[in-house]
Structures are given as structure tokens and as C-alpha cells.
């Protein structure tokens, strides 16, 4: 059972997901620390939602260590380019928890 806060964060991730563009599934991601959002993003051509959320937090000067990532699809572990996979970025930035739900069925 998710807390009200976790439900709200997943709701924000779904809102981000609905803004997705490009081929493949729509994906949204939100990063929170404590009771506040520190980053958010959605998939767009060439950028996965998790990477967009991480970049958003870093550009705002946030530290990701110990934060929680809420995402609507599991982070990638391998991609066919020289770009670092999202799962590796999560580890590198010491994001503590990843909460996900496969919401690709939501239009």
C-alpha cells in the first residue's frame, strides 16, 4: 500500500508521462527528497524520462544522494548507443529508492 505522498508522486510521474514524445512507450519520472520534488522529466526523442528528471534536479543544484525516483516504467539497463543507461545514472547519483509501476497501458 502506497502512502498519500507516494501516490501523489506517482500521479506527477503519470502527468509527466502524458507529455512524452517520440517512438516507444510514454514514460514519466519524478525525483523527491523528503517531502518535496527536486526533479521531473518525461521521455522525448533521444532522452529517457529518468535521465531528464536527473538532469532537471542537477540543473536546479539539487543533490540526488538519498532521493527517491518515481517512474512509470523500469529504468533501462542497456541502450544501443554510447549514452550511459538510466540504471547506471541512478547508481552513480546514489538515488536511494526507485518506485515504479508499468503504466504503459495508460494513453
C-alpha atoms as a PDB file:
ATOM      1  CA  UNK A   1       0.000   0.000   0.000  1.00  0.00           C
ATOM      2  CA  UNK A   2       1.444   3.357  -1.035  1.00  0.00           C
ATOM      3  CA  UNK A   3       1.313   6.404   1.202  1.00  0.00           C
ATOM      4  CA  UNK A   4      -0.565   9.522   0.080  1.00  0.00           C
ATOM      5  CA  UNK A   5       2.776  11.140  -0.737  1.00  0.00           C
ATOM      6  CA  UNK A   6       3.884   8.175  -2.853  1.00  0.00           C
ATOM      7  CA  UNK A   7       0.537   8.206  -4.675  1.00  0.00           C
ATOM      8  CA  UNK A   8       0.912  11.936  -5.337  1.00  0.00           C
ATOM      9  CA  UNK A   9       4.454  11.445  -6.685  1.00  0.00           C
ATOM     10  CA  UNK A  10       3.308   8.650  -8.987  1.00  0.00           C
ATOM     11  CA  UNK A  11       0.465  10.921 -10.122  1.00  0.00           C
ATOM     12  CA  UNK A  12       3.053  13.551 -11.033  1.00  0.00           C
ATOM     13  CA  UNK A  13       5.077  10.910 -12.897  1.00  0.00           C
ATOM     14  CA  UNK A  14       1.924   9.987 -14.842  1.00  0.00           C
ATOM     15  CA  UNK A  15       1.394  13.677 -15.692  1.00  0.00           C
ATOM     16  CA  UNK A  16       4.978  13.791 -16.982  1.00  0.00           C
ATOM     17  CA  UNK A  17       4.374  10.559 -18.918  1.00  0.00           C
ATOM     18  CA  UNK A  18       1.457  12.146 -20.759  1.00  0.00           C
ATOM     19  CA  UNK A  19       3.852  14.795 -22.129  1.00  0.00           C
ATOM     20  CA  UNK A  20       6.145  12.175 -23.690  1.00  0.00           C
ATOM     21  CA  UNK A  21       7.013  12.284 -27.344  1.00  0.00           C
ATOM     22  CA  UNK A  22       8.848  10.074 -29.774  1.00  0.00           C
ATOM     23  CA  UNK A  23       8.647   6.374 -30.573  1.00  0.00           C
ATOM     24  CA  UNK A  24       8.087   3.688 -27.968  1.00  0.00           C
ATOM     25  CA  UNK A  25       6.242   3.801 -24.677  1.00  0.00           C
ATOM     26  CA  UNK A  26       5.400   7.037 -22.930  1.00  0.00           C
ATOM     27  CA  UNK A  27       7.388   7.391 -19.693  1.00  0.00           C
ATOM     28  CA  UNK A  28       7.446   9.959 -16.899  1.00  0.00           C
ATOM     29  CA  UNK A  29       9.677  10.306 -13.841  1.00  0.00           C
ATOM     30  CA  UNK A  30       9.769  12.402 -10.670  1.00  0.00           C
ATOM     31  CA  UNK A  31      12.556  12.616  -8.070  1.00  0.00           C
ATOM     32  CA  UNK A  32      11.748  13.533  -4.480  1.00  0.00           C
ATOM     33  CA  UNK A  33      13.751  14.069  -1.334  1.00  0.00           C
ATOM     34  CA  UNK A  34      11.874  14.330   1.916  1.00  0.00           C
ATOM     35  CA  UNK A  35       8.510  15.825   1.087  1.00  0.00           C
ATOM     36  CA  UNK A  36       9.479  17.851  -1.976  1.00  0.00           C
ATOM     37  CA  UNK A  37      10.020  17.286  -5.663  1.00  0.00           C
ATOM     38  CA  UNK A  38      13.571  18.037  -6.766  1.00  0.00           C
ATOM     39  CA  UNK A  39      13.357  16.906 -10.405  1.00  0.00           C
ATOM     40  CA  UNK A  40      10.905  15.749 -13.059  1.00  0.00           C
ATOM     41  CA  UNK A  41      11.025  14.705 -16.684  1.00  0.00           C
ATOM     42  CA  UNK A  42       9.432  12.757 -19.493  1.00  0.00           C
ATOM     43  CA  UNK A  43      10.678  10.784 -22.466  1.00  0.00           C
ATOM     44  CA  UNK A  44      11.424  12.754 -25.584  1.00  0.00           C
ATOM     45  CA  UNK A  45      13.451  11.855 -28.660  1.00  0.00           C
ATOM     46  CA  UNK A  46      16.940  10.891 -27.529  1.00  0.00           C
ATOM     47  CA  UNK A  47      16.286  11.367 -23.788  1.00  0.00           C
ATOM     48  CA  UNK A  48      14.743   8.879 -21.378  1.00  0.00           C
ATOM     49  CA  UNK A  49      12.435  10.171 -18.635  1.00  0.00           C
ATOM     50  CA  UNK A  50      14.766   9.151 -15.801  1.00  0.00           C
ATOM     51  CA  UNK A  51      17.708  10.968 -17.404  1.00  0.00           C
ATOM     52  CA  UNK A  52      15.518  14.045 -17.953  1.00  0.00           C
ATOM     53  CA  UNK A  53      14.460  14.027 -14.275  1.00  0.00           C
ATOM     54  CA  UNK A  54      18.061  13.614 -13.096  1.00  0.00           C
ATOM     55  CA  UNK A  55      19.209  16.459 -15.363  1.00  0.00           C
ATOM     56  CA  UNK A  56      16.354  18.629 -14.085  1.00  0.00           C
ATOM     57  CA  UNK A  57      17.422  18.086 -10.464  1.00  0.00           C
ATOM     58  CA  UNK A  58      21.105  18.665 -11.187  1.00  0.00           C
ATOM     59  CA  UNK A  59      20.396  21.863 -13.155  1.00  0.00           C
ATOM     60  CA  UNK A  60      18.462  23.128 -10.113  1.00  0.00           C
ATOM     61  CA  UNK A  61      21.537  22.471  -7.952  1.00  0.00           C
ATOM     62  CA  UNK A  62      19.983  19.533  -6.121  1.00  0.00           C
ATOM     63  CA  UNK A  63      21.949  16.639  -4.640  1.00  0.00           C
ATOM     64  CA  UNK A  64      20.417  13.294  -5.590  1.00  0.00           C
ATOM     65  CA  UNK A  65      22.030  11.156  -2.893  1.00  0.00           C
ATOM     66  CA  UNK A  66      19.302   9.565  -0.757  1.00  0.00           C
ATOM     67  CA  UNK A  67      16.439  10.660  -3.000  1.00  0.00           C
ATOM     68  CA  UNK A  68      13.546   8.592  -4.366  1.00  0.00           C
ATOM     69  CA  UNK A  69      12.812   8.171  -8.081  1.00  0.00           C
ATOM     70  CA  UNK A  70       9.195   7.534  -9.103  1.00  0.00           C
ATOM     71  CA  UNK A  71       8.905   6.272 -12.675  1.00  0.00           C
ATOM     72  CA  UNK A  72       6.166   4.806 -14.837  1.00  0.00           C
ATOM     73  CA  UNK A  73       8.426   2.184 -16.432  1.00  0.00           C
ATOM     74  CA  UNK A  74      11.559   0.390 -15.290  1.00  0.00           C
ATOM     75  CA  UNK A  75      14.794   2.296 -15.999  1.00  0.00           C
ATOM     76  CA  UNK A  76      16.864   0.995 -18.895  1.00  0.00           C
ATOM     77  CA  UNK A  77      19.882  -1.180 -18.185  1.00  0.00           C
ATOM     78  CA  UNK A  78      21.341  -1.115 -21.679  1.00  0.00           C
ATOM     79  CA  UNK A  79      20.888   1.088 -24.700  1.00  0.00           C
ATOM     80  CA  UNK A  80      22.274   0.845 -28.204  1.00  0.00           C
ATOM     81  CA  UNK A  81      24.427   3.956 -28.006  1.00  0.00           C
ATOM     82  CA  UNK A  82      27.310   5.404 -26.053  1.00  0.00           C
ATOM     83  CA  UNK A  83      24.873   7.050 -23.613  1.00  0.00           C
ATOM     84  CA  UNK A  84      25.015   5.821 -20.006  1.00  0.00           C
ATOM     85  CA  UNK A  85      21.979   3.642 -19.149  1.00  0.00           C
ATOM     86  CA  UNK A  86      19.478   5.203 -16.729  1.00  0.00           C
ATOM     87  CA  UNK A  87      20.017   2.414 -14.190  1.00  0.00           C
ATOM     88  CA  UNK A  88      23.716   3.294 -14.045  1.00  0.00           C
ATOM     89  CA  UNK A  89      22.924   7.002 -13.615  1.00  0.00           C
ATOM     90  CA  UNK A  90      20.678   6.098 -10.677  1.00  0.00           C
ATOM     91  CA  UNK A  91      23.528   4.210  -9.024  1.00  0.00           C
ATOM     92  CA  UNK A  92      26.125   6.899  -9.810  1.00  0.00           C
ATOM     93  CA  UNK A  93      23.984   9.631  -8.238  1.00  0.00           C
ATOM     94  CA  UNK A  94      23.173   7.432  -5.238  1.00  0.00           C
ATOM     95  CA  UNK A  95      19.406   7.618  -5.640  1.00  0.00           C
ATOM     96  CA  UNK A  96      18.271   5.503  -2.719  1.00  0.00           C
ATOM     97  CA  UNK A  97      14.951   4.065  -3.921  1.00  0.00           C
ATOM     98  CA  UNK A  98      13.225   3.512  -7.243  1.00  0.00           C
ATOM     99  CA  UNK A  99       9.437   3.183  -7.185  1.00  0.00           C
ATOM    100  CA  UNK A 100       7.909   2.048 -10.423  1.00  0.00           C
ATOM    101  CA  UNK A 101       4.746   0.886 -11.995  1.00  0.00           C
ATOM    102  CA  UNK A 102       4.311  -0.245 -15.568  1.00  0.00           C
ATOM    103  CA  UNK A 103       1.786   2.287 -16.773  1.00  0.00           C
ATOM    104  CA  UNK A 104       2.305   1.854 -20.499  1.00  0.00           C
ATOM    105  CA  UNK A 105      -1.356   0.873 -20.731  1.00  0.00           C
ATOM    106  CA  UNK A 106      -2.405   4.470 -19.891  1.00  0.00           C
ATOM    107  CA  UNK A 107      -2.843   6.535 -23.069  1.00  0.00           C
END
